[in-house]
Amino acid sequence: MKKSVVVSLGLLLLAHATSSQAENSNGKNIFVQRCAMCHGADIRGTGPLAHKSNPPTPDLTTAAFKKRLHDYPGVIVSSVVLRPNGDLIPKTLRENGVKLPAFAWQIKDLRDLNKYMTA
């Protein structure tokens, strides 16, 4: 009996870890495909388009930004994604010949992206 409880608990923990990794993988994939061109793979505002926007792309690793992500989970990400600073992001992409394919955002995607950036 004890052995089956231990095995069940182990499987539960493995399933949780796999789910968590999948969510973080989703957040990372979205960031790399849709955000890194400006924010850089390191999230520090070091992408190839970082200094081609006005104002320049911010460093998302600062303590102030991390606090905002923590205090308002999902709000920051969804506000940028759904209303990208008026026309700043689309304009920067257009002016630099970058075409992003349409993306059907889901709540899970916004949460995963937020989680990836706060890790």
PDB file of N, CA and C in Angstrom:
ATOM      1  N   MET A   1       0.825  -1.197   0.000  1.00  0.00           N
ATOM      2  CA  MET A   1       0.000   0.000   0.000  1.00  0.00           C
ATOM      3  C   MET A   1       0.862   1.252   0.000  1.00  0.00           C
ATOM      4  N   LYS A   2       1.879   1.301   0.874  1.00  0.00           N
ATOM      5  CA  LYS A   2       2.738   2.479   0.961  1.00  0.00           C
ATOM      6  C   LYS A   2       3.486   2.715  -0.345  1.00  0.00           C
ATOM      7  N   LYS A   3       3.899   1.607  -0.970  1.00  0.00           N
ATOM      8  CA  LYS A   3       4.635   1.722  -2.226  1.00  0.00           C
ATOM      9  C   LYS A   3       3.772   2.384  -3.301  1.00  0.00           C
ATOM     10  N   SER A   4       2.495   2.030  -3.396  1.00  0.00           N
ATOM     11  CA  SER A   4       1.628   2.629  -4.409  1.00  0.00           C
ATOM     12  C   SER A   4       1.381   4.110  -4.130  1.00  0.00           C
ATOM     13  N   VAL A   5       1.336   4.495  -2.850  1.00  0.00           N
ATOM     14  CA  VAL A   5       1.164   5.911  -2.506  1.00  0.00           C
ATOM     15  C   VAL A   5       2.396   6.694  -2.922  1.00  0.00           C
ATOM     16  N   VAL A   6       3.580   6.131  -2.670  1.00  0.00           N
ATOM     17  CA  VAL A   6       4.831   6.793  -3.049  1.00  0.00           C
ATOM     18  C   VAL A   6       4.922   6.915  -4.569  1.00  0.00           C
ATOM     19  N   VAL A   7       4.574   5.859  -5.281  1.00  0.00           N
ATOM     20  CA  VAL A   7       4.603   5.885  -6.747  1.00  0.00           C
ATOM     21  C   VAL A   7       3.604   6.919  -7.265  1.00  0.00           C
ATOM     22  N   SER A   8       2.399   6.945  -6.704  1.00  0.00           N
ATOM     23  CA  SER A   8       1.386   7.915  -7.127  1.00  0.00           C
ATOM     24  C   SER A   8       1.846   9.335  -6.876  1.00  0.00           C
ATOM     25  N   LEU A   9       2.456   9.569  -5.709  1.00  0.00           N
ATOM     26  CA  LEU A   9       2.955  10.898  -5.382  1.00  0.00           C
ATOM     27  C   LEU A   9       4.064  11.291  -6.347  1.00  0.00           C
ATOM     28  N   GLY A  10       4.950  10.354  -6.664  1.00  0.00           N
ATOM     29  CA  GLY A  10       6.031  10.623  -7.614  1.00  0.00           C
ATOM     30  C   GLY A  10       5.505  10.982  -8.988  1.00  0.00           C
ATOM     31  N   LEU A  11       4.501  10.247  -9.446  1.00  0.00           N
ATOM     32  CA  LEU A  11       3.904  10.540 -10.754  1.00  0.00           C
ATOM     33  C   LEU A  11       3.226  11.901 -10.759  1.00  0.00           C
ATOM     34  N   LEU A  12       2.573  12.241  -9.647  1.00  0.00           N
ATOM     35  CA  LEU A  12       1.920  13.547  -9.533  1.00  0.00           C
ATOM     36  C   LEU A  12       2.949  14.667  -9.612  1.00  0.00           C
ATOM     37  N   LEU A  13       4.051  14.515  -8.888  1.00  0.00           N
ATOM     38  CA  LEU A  13       5.106  15.536  -8.925  1.00  0.00           C
ATOM     39  C   LEU A  13       5.725  15.645 -10.317  1.00  0.00           C
ATOM     40  N   LEU A  14       5.933  14.522 -10.973  1.00  0.00           N
ATOM     41  CA  LEU A  14       6.489  14.527 -12.328  1.00  0.00           C
ATOM     42  C   LEU A  14       5.541  15.225 -13.291  1.00  0.00           C
ATOM     43  N   ALA A  15       4.262  14.934 -13.184  1.00  0.00           N
ATOM     44  CA  ALA A  15       3.275  15.575 -14.056  1.00  0.00           C
ATOM     45  C   ALA A  15       3.253  17.077 -13.821  1.00  0.00           C
ATOM     46  N   HIS A  16       3.353  17.501 -12.582  1.00  0.00           N
ATOM     47  CA  HIS A  16       3.358  18.931 -12.268  1.00  0.00           C
ATOM     48  C   HIS A  16       4.604  19.601 -12.841  1.00  0.00           C
ATOM     49  N   ALA A  17       5.745  18.963 -12.678  1.00  0.00           N
ATOM     50  CA  ALA A  17       6.989  19.533 -13.206  1.00  0.00           C
ATOM     51  C   ALA A  17       6.927  19.633 -14.722  1.00  0.00           C
ATOM     52  N   THR A  18       6.414  18.613 -15.386  1.00  0.00           N
ATOM     53  CA  THR A  18       6.303  18.622 -16.834  1.00  0.00           C
ATOM     54  C   THR A  18       5.371  19.740 -17.291  1.00  0.00           C
ATOM     55  N   SER A  19       4.251  19.911 -16.608  1.00  0.00           N
ATOM     56  CA  SER A  19       3.309  20.977 -16.939  1.00  0.00           C
ATOM     57  C   SER A  19       3.963  22.343 -16.759  1.00  0.00           C
ATOM     58  N   SER A  20       4.684  22.514 -15.667  1.00  0.00           N
ATOM     59  CA  SER A  20       5.353  23.787 -15.393  1.00  0.00           C
ATOM     60  C   SER A  20       6.401  24.087 -16.456  1.00  0.00           C
ATOM     61  N   GLN A  21       7.175  23.063 -16.841  1.00  0.00           N
ATOM     62  CA  GLN A  21       8.189  23.257 -17.874  1.00  0.00           C
ATOM     63  C   GLN A  21       7.545  23.600 -19.208  1.00  0.00           C
ATOM     64  N   ALA A  22       6.424  22.962 -19.514  1.00  0.00           N
ATOM     65  CA  ALA A  22       5.733  23.232 -20.771  1.00  0.00           C
ATOM     66  C   ALA A  22       5.250  24.669 -20.809  1.00  0.00           C
ATOM     67  N   GLU A  23       4.703  25.157 -19.684  1.00  0.00           N
ATOM     68  CA  GLU A  23       4.232  26.535 -19.634  1.00  0.00           C
ATOM     69  C   GLU A  23       5.390  27.504 -19.821  1.00  0.00           C
ATOM     70  N   ASN A  24       6.518  27.244 -19.136  1.00  0.00           N
ATOM     71  CA  ASN A  24       7.666  28.119 -19.268  1.00  0.00           C
ATOM     72  C   ASN A  24       8.223  28.046 -20.687  1.00  0.00           C
ATOM     73  N   SER A  25       8.185  26.862 -21.287  1.00  0.00           N
ATOM     74  CA  SER A  25       8.636  26.706 -22.665  1.00  0.00           C
ATOM     75  C   SER A  25       7.751  27.535 -23.599  1.00  0.00           C
ATOM     76  N   ASN A  26       6.447  27.526 -23.367  1.00  0.00           N
ATOM     77  CA  ASN A  26       5.525  28.333 -24.165  1.00  0.00           C
ATOM     78  C   ASN A  26       5.861  29.818 -24.018  1.00  0.00           C
ATOM     79  N   GLY A  27       6.064  30.270 -22.790  1.00  0.00           N
ATOM     80  CA  GLY A  27       6.413  31.670 -22.550  1.00  0.00           C
ATOM     81  C   GLY A  27       7.718  32.052 -23.228  1.00  0.00           C
ATOM     82  N   LYS A  28       8.709  31.174 -23.139  1.00  0.00           N
ATOM     83  CA  LYS A  28      10.001  31.434 -23.777  1.00  0.00           C
ATOM     84  C   LYS A  28       9.851  31.488 -25.292  1.00  0.00           C
ATOM     85  N   ASN A  29       9.115  30.527 -25.861  1.00  0.00           N
ATOM     86  CA  ASN A  29       8.927  30.506 -27.315  1.00  0.00           C
ATOM     87  C   ASN A  29       8.239  31.776 -27.803  1.00  0.00           C
ATOM     88  N   ILE A  30       7.208  32.210 -27.095  1.00  0.00           N
ATOM     89  CA  ILE A  30       6.514  33.444 -27.479  1.00  0.00           C
ATOM     90  C   ILE A  30       7.468  34.624 -27.388  1.00  0.00           C
ATOM     91  N   PHE A  31       8.228  34.696 -26.297  1.00  0.00           N
ATOM     92  CA  PHE A  31       9.162  35.815 -26.125  1.00  0.00           C
ATOM     93  C   PHE A  31      10.187  35.844 -27.252  1.00  0.00           C
ATOM     94  N   VAL A  32      10.788  34.693 -27.540  1.00  0.00           N
ATOM     95  CA  VAL A  32      11.821  34.626 -28.579  1.00  0.00           C
ATOM     96  C   VAL A  32      11.244  35.025 -29.938  1.00  0.00           C
ATOM     97  N   GLN A  33      10.040  34.559 -30.251  1.00  0.00           N
ATOM     98  CA  GLN A  33       9.447  34.814 -31.560  1.00  0.00           C
ATOM     99  C   GLN A  33       8.869  36.219 -31.702  1.00  0.00           C
ATOM    100  N   ARG A  34       8.382  36.823 -30.605  1.00  0.00           N
ATOM    101  CA  ARG A  34       7.618  38.060 -30.732  1.00  0.00           C
ATOM    102  C   ARG A  34       8.210  39.254 -29.992  1.00  0.00           C
ATOM    103  N   CYS A  35       9.171  39.030 -29.099  1.00  0.00           N
ATOM    104  CA  CYS A  35       9.657  40.117 -28.252  1.00  0.00           C
ATOM    105  C   CYS A  35      11.168  40.336 -28.326  1.00  0.00           C
ATOM    106  N   ALA A  36      11.916  39.258 -28.560  1.00  0.00           N
ATOM    107  CA  ALA A  36      13.373  39.320 -28.487  1.00  0.00           C
ATOM    108  C   ALA A  36      13.996  40.247 -29.522  1.00  0.00           C
ATOM    109  N   MET A  37      13.309  40.489 -30.635  1.00  0.00           N
ATOM    110  CA  MET A  37      13.884  41.378 -31.647  1.00  0.00           C
ATOM    111  C   MET A  37      14.151  42.774 -31.091  1.00  0.00           C
ATOM    112  N   CYS A  38      13.394  43.159 -30.087  1.00  0.00           N
ATOM    113  CA  CYS A  38      13.631  44.445 -29.431  1.00  0.00           C
ATOM    114  C   CYS A  38      14.270  44.259 -28.051  1.00  0.00           C
ATOM    115  N   HIS A  39      13.694  43.352 -27.261  1.00  0.00           N
ATOM    116  CA  HIS A  39      14.168  43.195 -25.882  1.00  0.00           C
ATOM    117  C   HIS A  39      15.404  42.314 -25.768  1.00  0.00           C
ATOM    118  N   GLY A  40      15.757  41.586 -26.821  1.00  0.00           N
ATOM    119  CA  GLY A  40      16.920  40.710 -26.783  1.00  0.00           C
ATOM    120  C   GLY A  40      16.611  39.402 -26.093  1.00  0.00           C
ATOM    121  N   ALA A  41      17.381  38.375 -26.419  1.00  0.00           N
ATOM    122  CA  ALA A  41      17.186  37.061 -25.802  1.00  0.00           C
ATOM    123  C   ALA A  41      17.420  37.124 -24.299  1.00  0.00           C
ATOM    124  N   ASP A  42      18.213  38.089 -23.857  1.00  0.00           N
ATOM    125  CA  ASP A  42      18.505  38.229 -22.426  1.00  0.00           C
ATOM    126  C   ASP A  42      17.489  39.117 -21.698  1.00  0.00           C
ATOM    127  N   ILE A  43      16.495  39.622 -22.409  1.00  0.00           N
ATOM    128  CA  ILE A  43      15.400  40.446 -21.877  1.00  0.00           C
ATOM    129  C   ILE A  43      15.891  41.812 -21.374  1.00  0.00           C
ATOM    130  N   ARG A  44      17.085  42.208 -21.746  1.00  0.00           N
ATOM    131  CA  ARG A  44      17.683  43.448 -21.223  1.00  0.00           C
ATOM    132  C   ARG A  44      17.611  44.628 -22.203  1.00  0.00           C
ATOM    133  N   GLY A  45      16.797  44.509 -23.228  1.00  0.00           N
ATOM    134  CA  GLY A  45      16.701  45.599 -24.192  1.00  0.00           C
ATOM    135  C   GLY A  45      17.899  45.647 -25.119  1.00  0.00           C
ATOM    136  N   THR A  46      18.396  44.473 -25.490  1.00  0.00           N
ATOM    137  CA  THR A  46      19.609  44.388 -26.302  1.00  0.00           C
ATOM    138  C   THR A  46      19.364  43.802 -27.688  1.00  0.00           C
ATOM    139  N   GLY A  47      18.100  43.702 -28.099  1.00  0.00           N
ATOM    140  CA  GLY A  47      17.783  43.143 -29.407  1.00  0.00           C
ATOM    141  C   GLY A  47      18.215  44.064 -30.531  1.00  0.00           C
ATOM    142  N   PRO A  48      18.214  43.560 -31.753  1.00  0.00           N
ATOM    143  CA  PRO A  48      18.670  44.359 -32.889  1.00  0.00           C
ATOM    144  C   PRO A  48      17.835  45.627 -33.135  1.00  0.00           C
ATOM    145  N   LEU A  49      16.599  45.670 -32.655  1.00  0.00           N
ATOM    146  CA  LEU A  49      15.772  46.866 -32.835  1.00  0.00           C
ATOM    147  C   LEU A  49      15.684  47.721 -31.575  1.00  0.00           C
ATOM    148  N   ALA A  50      16.441  47.387 -30.549  1.00  0.00           N
ATOM    149  CA  ALA A  50      16.326  48.044 -29.241  1.00  0.00           C
ATOM    150  C   ALA A  50      16.474  49.561 -29.305  1.00  0.00           C
ATOM    151  N   HIS A  51      17.402  50.031 -30.081  1.00  0.00           N
ATOM    152  CA  HIS A  51      17.651  51.481 -30.135  1.00  0.00           C
ATOM    153  C   HIS A  51      17.054  52.138 -31.370  1.00  0.00           C
ATOM    154  N   LYS A  52      16.183  51.415 -32.039  1.00  0.00           N
ATOM    155  CA  LYS A  52      15.542  51.964 -33.232  1.00  0.00           C
ATOM    156  C   LYS A  52      14.132  52.460 -32.936  1.00  0.00           C
ATOM    157  N   SER A  53      13.738  52.406 -31.669  1.00  0.00           N
ATOM    158  CA  SER A  53      12.438  52.952 -31.289  1.00  0.00           C
ATOM    159  C   SER A  53      12.675  54.159 -30.395  1.00  0.00           C
ATOM    160  N   ASN A  54      11.678  54.996 -30.313  1.00  0.00           N
ATOM    161  CA  ASN A  54      11.784  56.180 -29.468  1.00  0.00           C
ATOM    162  C   ASN A  54      10.564  56.217 -28.551  1.00  0.00           C
ATOM    163  N   PRO A  55      10.733  55.950 -27.271  1.00  0.00           N
ATOM    164  CA  PRO A  55      11.991  55.759 -26.547  1.00  0.00           C
ATOM    165  C   PRO A  55      12.585  54.383 -26.825  1.00  0.00           C
ATOM    166  N   PRO A  56      13.885  54.231 -26.517  1.00  0.00           N
ATOM    167  CA  PRO A  56      14.530  52.933 -26.719  1.00  0.00           C
ATOM    168  C   PRO A  56      13.856  51.841 -25.892  1.00  0.00           C
ATOM    169  N   THR A  57      14.014  50.614 -26.321  1.00  0.00           N
ATOM    170  CA  THR A  57      13.424  49.459 -25.650  1.00  0.00           C
ATOM    171  C   THR A  57      13.968  49.330 -24.230  1.00  0.00           C
ATOM    172  N   PRO A  58      13.088  49.145 -23.246  1.00  0.00           N
ATOM    173  CA  PRO A  58      13.555  49.050 -21.857  1.00  0.00           C
ATOM    174  C   PRO A  58      14.136  47.674 -21.499  1.00  0.00           C
ATOM    175  N   ASP A  59      14.965  47.693 -20.477  1.00  0.00           N
ATOM    176  CA  ASP A  59      15.521  46.484 -19.860  1.00  0.00           C
ATOM    177  C   ASP A  59      14.439  45.908 -18.954  1.00  0.00           C
ATOM    178  N   LEU A  60      13.983  44.700 -19.252  1.00  0.00           N
ATOM    179  CA  LEU A  60      12.904  44.089 -18.474  1.00  0.00           C
ATOM    180  C   LEU A  60      13.402  43.316 -17.263  1.00  0.00           C
ATOM    181  N   THR A  61      14.715  43.378 -16.995  1.00  0.00           N
ATOM    182  CA  THR A  61      15.261  42.672 -15.836  1.00  0.00           C
ATOM    183  C   THR A  61      15.448  43.596 -14.636  1.00  0.00           C
ATOM    184  N   THR A  62      15.124  44.863 -14.772  1.00  0.00           N
ATOM    185  CA  THR A  62      15.322  45.789 -13.648  1.00  0.00           C
ATOM    186  C   THR A  62      14.405  45.434 -12.486  1.00  0.00           C
ATOM    187  N   ALA A  63      14.825  45.798 -11.302  1.00  0.00           N
ATOM    188  CA  ALA A  63      14.028  45.524 -10.099  1.00  0.00           C
ATOM    189  C   ALA A  63      12.653  46.182 -10.198  1.00  0.00           C
ATOM    190  N   ALA A  64      12.602  47.400 -10.729  1.00  0.00           N
ATOM    191  CA  ALA A  64      11.326  48.117 -10.841  1.00  0.00           C
ATOM    192  C   ALA A  64      10.362  47.381 -11.763  1.00  0.00           C
ATOM    193  N   PHE A  65      10.868  46.890 -12.893  1.00  0.00           N
ATOM    194  CA  PHE A  65       9.992  46.175 -13.817  1.00  0.00           C
ATOM    195  C   PHE A  65       9.557  44.838 -13.234  1.00  0.00           C
ATOM    196  N   LYS A  66      10.491  44.116 -12.614  1.00  0.00           N
ATOM    197  CA  LYS A  66      10.150  42.832 -11.995  1.00  0.00           C
ATOM    198  C   LYS A  66       9.079  43.033 -10.925  1.00  0.00           C
ATOM    199  N   LYS A  67       9.165  44.130 -10.171  1.00  0.00           N
ATOM    200  CA  LYS A  67       8.161  44.417  -9.144  1.00  0.00           C
ATOM    201  C   LYS A  67       6.799  44.658  -9.788  1.00  0.00           C
ATOM    202  N   ARG A  68       6.775  45.406 -10.888  1.00  0.00           N
ATOM    203  CA  ARG A  68       5.507  45.639 -11.597  1.00  0.00           C
ATOM    204  C   ARG A  68       4.909  44.337 -12.103  1.00  0.00           C
ATOM    205  N   LEU A  69       5.741  43.449 -12.650  1.00  0.00           N
ATOM    206  CA  LEU A  69       5.244  42.152 -13.110  1.00  0.00           C
ATOM    207  C   LEU A  69       4.676  41.338 -11.949  1.00  0.00           C
ATOM    208  N   HIS A  70       5.346  41.421 -10.800  1.00  0.00           N
ATOM    209  CA  HIS A  70       4.883  40.688  -9.620  1.00  0.00           C
ATOM    210  C   HIS A  70       3.598  41.287  -9.062  1.00  0.00           C
ATOM    211  N   ASP A  71       3.550  42.610  -8.953  1.00  0.00           N
ATOM    212  CA  ASP A  71       2.389  43.297  -8.365  1.00  0.00           C
ATOM    213  C   ASP A  71       1.156  43.235  -9.256  1.00  0.00           C
ATOM    214  N   TYR A  72       1.361  43.225 -10.553  1.00  0.00           N
ATOM    215  CA  TYR A  72       0.257  43.215 -11.517  1.00  0.00           C
ATOM    216  C   TYR A  72       0.453  42.095 -12.523  1.00  0.00           C
ATOM    217  N   PRO A  73       0.405  40.839 -12.070  1.00  0.00           N
ATOM    218  CA  PRO A  73       0.702  39.730 -12.986  1.00  0.00           C
ATOM    219  C   PRO A  73      -0.245  39.697 -14.182  1.00  0.00           C
ATOM    220  N   GLY A  74       0.351  39.670 -15.339  1.00  0.00           N
ATOM    221  CA  GLY A  74      -0.433  39.595 -16.564  1.00  0.00           C
ATOM    222  C   GLY A  74      -0.894  40.938 -17.098  1.00  0.00           C
ATOM    223  N   VAL A  75      -1.043  41.929 -16.230  1.00  0.00           N
ATOM    224  CA  VAL A  75      -1.550  43.230 -16.659  1.00  0.00           C
ATOM    225  C   VAL A  75      -0.543  43.918 -17.573  1.00  0.00           C
ATOM    226  N   ILE A  76       0.706  43.916 -17.169  1.00  0.00           N
ATOM    227  CA  ILE A  76       1.750  44.582 -17.961  1.00  0.00           C
ATOM    228  C   ILE A  76       1.872  43.905 -19.323  1.00  0.00           C
ATOM    229  N   VAL A  77       1.990  42.585 -19.309  1.00  0.00           N
ATOM    230  CA  VAL A  77       2.151  41.840 -20.556  1.00  0.00           C
ATOM    231  C   VAL A  77       0.952  42.045 -21.472  1.00  0.00           C
ATOM    232  N   SER A  78      -0.253  41.873 -20.940  1.00  0.00           N
ATOM    233  CA  SER A  78      -1.433  41.988 -21.796  1.00  0.00           C
ATOM    234  C   SER A  78      -1.622  43.409 -22.303  1.00  0.00           C
ATOM    235  N   SER A  79      -1.262  44.412 -21.497  1.00  0.00           N
ATOM    236  CA  SER A  79      -1.428  45.789 -21.968  1.00  0.00           C
ATOM    237  C   SER A  79      -0.477  46.103 -23.116  1.00  0.00           C
ATOM    238  N   VAL A  80       0.716  45.547 -23.074  1.00  0.00           N
ATOM    239  CA  VAL A  80       1.677  45.762 -24.166  1.00  0.00           C
ATOM    240  C   VAL A  80       1.251  44.980 -25.403  1.00  0.00           C
ATOM    241  N   VAL A  81       0.846  43.732 -25.192  1.00  0.00           N
ATOM    242  CA  VAL A  81       0.465  42.874 -26.310  1.00  0.00           C
ATOM    243  C   VAL A  81      -0.805  43.377 -26.986  1.00  0.00           C
ATOM    244  N   LEU A  82      -1.797  43.728 -26.192  1.00  0.00           N
ATOM    245  CA  LEU A  82      -3.089  44.079 -26.760  1.00  0.00           C
ATOM    246  C   LEU A  82      -3.201  45.542 -27.165  1.00  0.00           C
ATOM    247  N   ARG A  83      -2.420  46.410 -26.561  1.00  0.00           N
ATOM    248  CA  ARG A  83      -2.365  47.824 -26.932  1.00  0.00           C
ATOM    249  C   ARG A  83      -0.915  48.249 -26.917  1.00  0.00           C
ATOM    250  N   PRO A  84      -0.183  47.909 -27.918  1.00  0.00           N
ATOM    251  CA  PRO A  84       1.268  48.104 -27.895  1.00  0.00           C
ATOM    252  C   PRO A  84       1.707  49.579 -27.935  1.00  0.00           C
ATOM    253  N   ASN A  85       1.536  50.241 -26.804  1.00  0.00           N
ATOM    254  CA  ASN A  85       1.999  51.636 -26.654  1.00  0.00           C
ATOM    255  C   ASN A  85       1.531  52.505 -27.815  1.00  0.00           C
ATOM    256  N   GLY A  86       0.248  52.447 -28.073  1.00  0.00           N
ATOM    257  CA  GLY A  86      -0.259  53.173 -29.231  1.00  0.00           C
ATOM    258  C   GLY A  86       0.288  52.520 -30.473  1.00  0.00           C
ATOM    259  N   ASP A  87       1.108  53.241 -31.207  1.00  0.00           N
ATOM    260  CA  ASP A  87       1.649  52.715 -32.451  1.00  0.00           C
ATOM    261  C   ASP A  87       3.160  52.484 -32.369  1.00  0.00           C
ATOM    262  N   LEU A  88       3.753  52.658 -31.193  1.00  0.00           N
ATOM    263  CA  LEU A  88       5.205  52.567 -31.069  1.00  0.00           C
ATOM    264  C   LEU A  88       5.763  51.236 -31.569  1.00  0.00           C
ATOM    265  N   ILE A  89       5.242  50.140 -31.073  1.00  0.00           N
ATOM    266  CA  ILE A  89       5.775  48.838 -31.471  1.00  0.00           C
ATOM    267  C   ILE A  89       5.477  48.546 -32.944  1.00  0.00           C
ATOM    268  N   PRO A  90       4.215  48.654 -33.388  1.00  0.00           N
ATOM    269  CA  PRO A  90       3.974  48.403 -34.822  1.00  0.00           C
ATOM    270  C   PRO A  90       4.787  49.329 -35.731  1.00  0.00           C
ATOM    271  N   LYS A  91       4.927  50.593 -35.348  1.00  0.00           N
ATOM    272  CA  LYS A  91       5.690  51.550 -36.156  1.00  0.00           C
ATOM    273  C   LYS A  91       7.164  51.140 -36.236  1.00  0.00           C
ATOM    274  N   THR A  92       7.742  50.771 -35.109  1.00  0.00           N
ATOM    275  CA  THR A  92       9.147  50.347 -35.096  1.00  0.00           C
ATOM    276  C   THR A  92       9.341  49.119 -35.973  1.00  0.00           C
ATOM    277  N   LEU A  93       8.420  48.170 -35.880  1.00  0.00           N
ATOM    278  CA  LEU A  93       8.520  46.973 -36.708  1.00  0.00           C
ATOM    279  C   LEU A  93       8.385  47.326 -38.189  1.00  0.00           C
ATOM    280  N   ARG A  94       7.388  48.149 -38.533  1.00  0.00           N
ATOM    281  CA  ARG A  94       7.182  48.568 -39.937  1.00  0.00           C
ATOM    282  C   ARG A  94       8.406  49.278 -40.487  1.00  0.00           C
ATOM    283  N   GLU A  95       8.931  50.234 -39.732  1.00  0.00           N
ATOM    284  CA  GLU A  95      10.074  51.028 -40.204  1.00  0.00           C
ATOM    285  C   GLU A  95      11.325  50.194 -40.430  1.00  0.00           C
ATOM    286  N   ASN A  96      11.372  49.029 -39.789  1.00  0.00           N
ATOM    287  CA  ASN A  96      12.551  48.174 -39.906  1.00  0.00           C
ATOM    288  C   ASN A  96      12.277  46.896 -40.700  1.00  0.00           C
ATOM    289  N   GLY A  97      11.138  46.884 -41.412  1.00  0.00           N
ATOM    290  CA  GLY A  97      10.821  45.773 -42.294  1.00  0.00           C
ATOM    291  C   GLY A  97      10.547  44.451 -41.596  1.00  0.00           C
ATOM    292  N   VAL A  98      10.134  44.511 -40.339  1.00  0.00           N
ATOM    293  CA  VAL A  98       9.844  43.281 -39.599  1.00  0.00           C
ATOM    294  C   VAL A  98       8.345  43.006 -39.670  1.00  0.00           C
ATOM    295  N   LYS A  99       8.008  41.823 -40.156  1.00  0.00           N
ATOM    296  CA  LYS A  99       6.603  41.429 -40.242  1.00  0.00           C
ATOM    297  C   LYS A  99       6.376  40.247 -39.327  1.00  0.00           C
ATOM    298  N   LEU A 100       5.549  40.457 -38.328  1.00  0.00           N
ATOM    299  CA  LEU A 100       5.191  39.367 -37.421  1.00  0.00           C
ATOM    300  C   LEU A 100       3.880  38.761 -37.886  1.00  0.00           C
ATOM    301  N   PRO A 101       3.817  37.448 -37.954  1.00  0.00           N
ATOM    302  CA  PRO A 101       2.542  36.833 -38.323  1.00  0.00           C
ATOM    303  C   PRO A 101       1.501  37.078 -37.234  1.00  0.00           C
ATOM    304  N   ALA A 102       0.252  37.088 -37.624  1.00  0.00           N
ATOM    305  CA  ALA A 102      -0.827  37.248 -36.647  1.00  0.00           C
ATOM    306  C   ALA A 102      -0.727  36.125 -35.620  1.00  0.00           C
ATOM    307  N   PHE A 103      -1.146  36.425 -34.416  1.00  0.00           N
ATOM    308  CA  PHE A 103      -1.076  35.447 -33.334  1.00  0.00           C
ATOM    309  C   PHE A 103      -2.383  35.495 -32.563  1.00  0.00           C
ATOM    310  N   ALA A 104      -3.007  34.355 -32.371  1.00  0.00           N
ATOM    311  CA  ALA A 104      -4.263  34.275 -31.623  1.00  0.00           C
ATOM    312  C   ALA A 104      -3.935  34.110 -30.142  1.00  0.00           C
ATOM    313  N   TRP A 105      -3.779  35.225 -29.433  1.00  0.00           N
ATOM    314  CA  TRP A 105      -3.404  35.202 -28.023  1.00  0.00           C
ATOM    315  C   TRP A 105      -4.477  34.538 -27.174  1.00  0.00           C
ATOM    316  N   GLN A 106      -4.017  33.691 -26.280  1.00  0.00           N
ATOM    317  CA  GLN A 106      -4.877  33.057 -25.290  1.00  0.00           C
ATOM    318  C   GLN A 106      -4.441  33.570 -23.912  1.00  0.00           C
ATOM    319  N   ILE A 107      -5.328  33.512 -22.940  1.00  0.00           N
ATOM    320  CA  ILE A 107      -4.982  33.926 -21.583  1.00  0.00           C
ATOM    321  C   ILE A 107      -3.750  33.161 -21.097  1.00  0.00           C
ATOM    322  N   LYS A 108      -3.683  31.881 -21.402  1.00  0.00           N
ATOM    323  CA  LYS A 108      -2.545  31.050 -21.003  1.00  0.00           C
ATOM    324  C   LYS A 108      -1.237  31.603 -21.571  1.00  0.00           C
ATOM    325  N   ASP A 109      -1.261  32.096 -22.801  1.00  0.00           N
ATOM    326  CA  ASP A 109      -0.061  32.656 -23.417  1.00  0.00           C
ATOM    327  C   ASP A 109       0.418  33.883 -22.648  1.00  0.00           C
ATOM    328  N   LEU A 110      -0.514  34.751 -22.265  1.00  0.00           N
ATOM    329  CA  LEU A 110      -0.150  35.947 -21.510  1.00  0.00           C
ATOM    330  C   LEU A 110       0.438  35.561 -20.157  1.00  0.00           C
ATOM    331  N   ARG A 111      -0.165  34.573 -19.503  1.00  0.00           N
ATOM    332  CA  ARG A 111       0.340  34.113 -18.210  1.00  0.00           C
ATOM    333  C   ARG A 111       1.728  33.476 -18.357  1.00  0.00           C
ATOM    334  N   ASP A 112       1.887  32.642 -19.389  1.00  0.00           N
ATOM    335  CA  ASP A 112       3.178  31.980 -19.617  1.00  0.00           C
ATOM    336  C   ASP A 112       4.269  33.002 -19.921  1.00  0.00           C
ATOM    337  N   LEU A 113       3.950  33.996 -20.717  1.00  0.00           N
ATOM    338  CA  LEU A 113       4.915  35.033 -21.043  1.00  0.00           C
ATOM    339  C   LEU A 113       5.299  35.807 -19.789  1.00  0.00           C
ATOM    340  N   ASN A 114       4.326  36.166 -18.969  1.00  0.00           N
ATOM    341  CA  ASN A 114       4.597  36.853 -17.709  1.00  0.00           C
ATOM    342  C   ASN A 114       5.487  35.990 -16.812  1.00  0.00           C
ATOM    343  N   LYS A 115       5.160  34.714 -16.733  1.00  0.00           N
ATOM    344  CA  LYS A 115       5.942  33.783 -15.891  1.00  0.00           C
ATOM    345  C   LYS A 115       7.384  33.684 -16.404  1.00  0.00           C
ATOM    346  N   TYR A 116       7.536  33.620 -17.717  1.00  0.00           N
ATOM    347  CA  TYR A 116       8.884  33.529 -18.298  1.00  0.00           C
ATOM    348  C   TYR A 116       9.706  34.778 -17.947  1.00  0.00           C
ATOM    349  N   MET A 117       9.091  35.930 -18.032  1.00  0.00           N
ATOM    350  CA  MET A 117       9.819  37.169 -17.770  1.00  0.00           C
ATOM    351  C   MET A 117      10.106  37.388 -16.291  1.00  0.00           C
ATOM    352  N   THR A 118       9.338  36.762 -15.415  1.00  0.00           N
ATOM    353  CA  THR A 118       9.587  36.938 -13.982  1.00  0.00           C
ATOM    354  C   THR A 118      10.515  35.873 -13.411  1.00  0.00           C
ATOM    355  N   ALA A 119      10.839  34.869 -14.224  1.00  0.00           N
ATOM    356  CA  ALA A 119      11.700  33.776 -13.724  1.00  0.00           C
ATOM    357  C   ALA A 119      13.109  34.255 -13.471  1.00  0.00           C
TER     358      ALA A 119
END
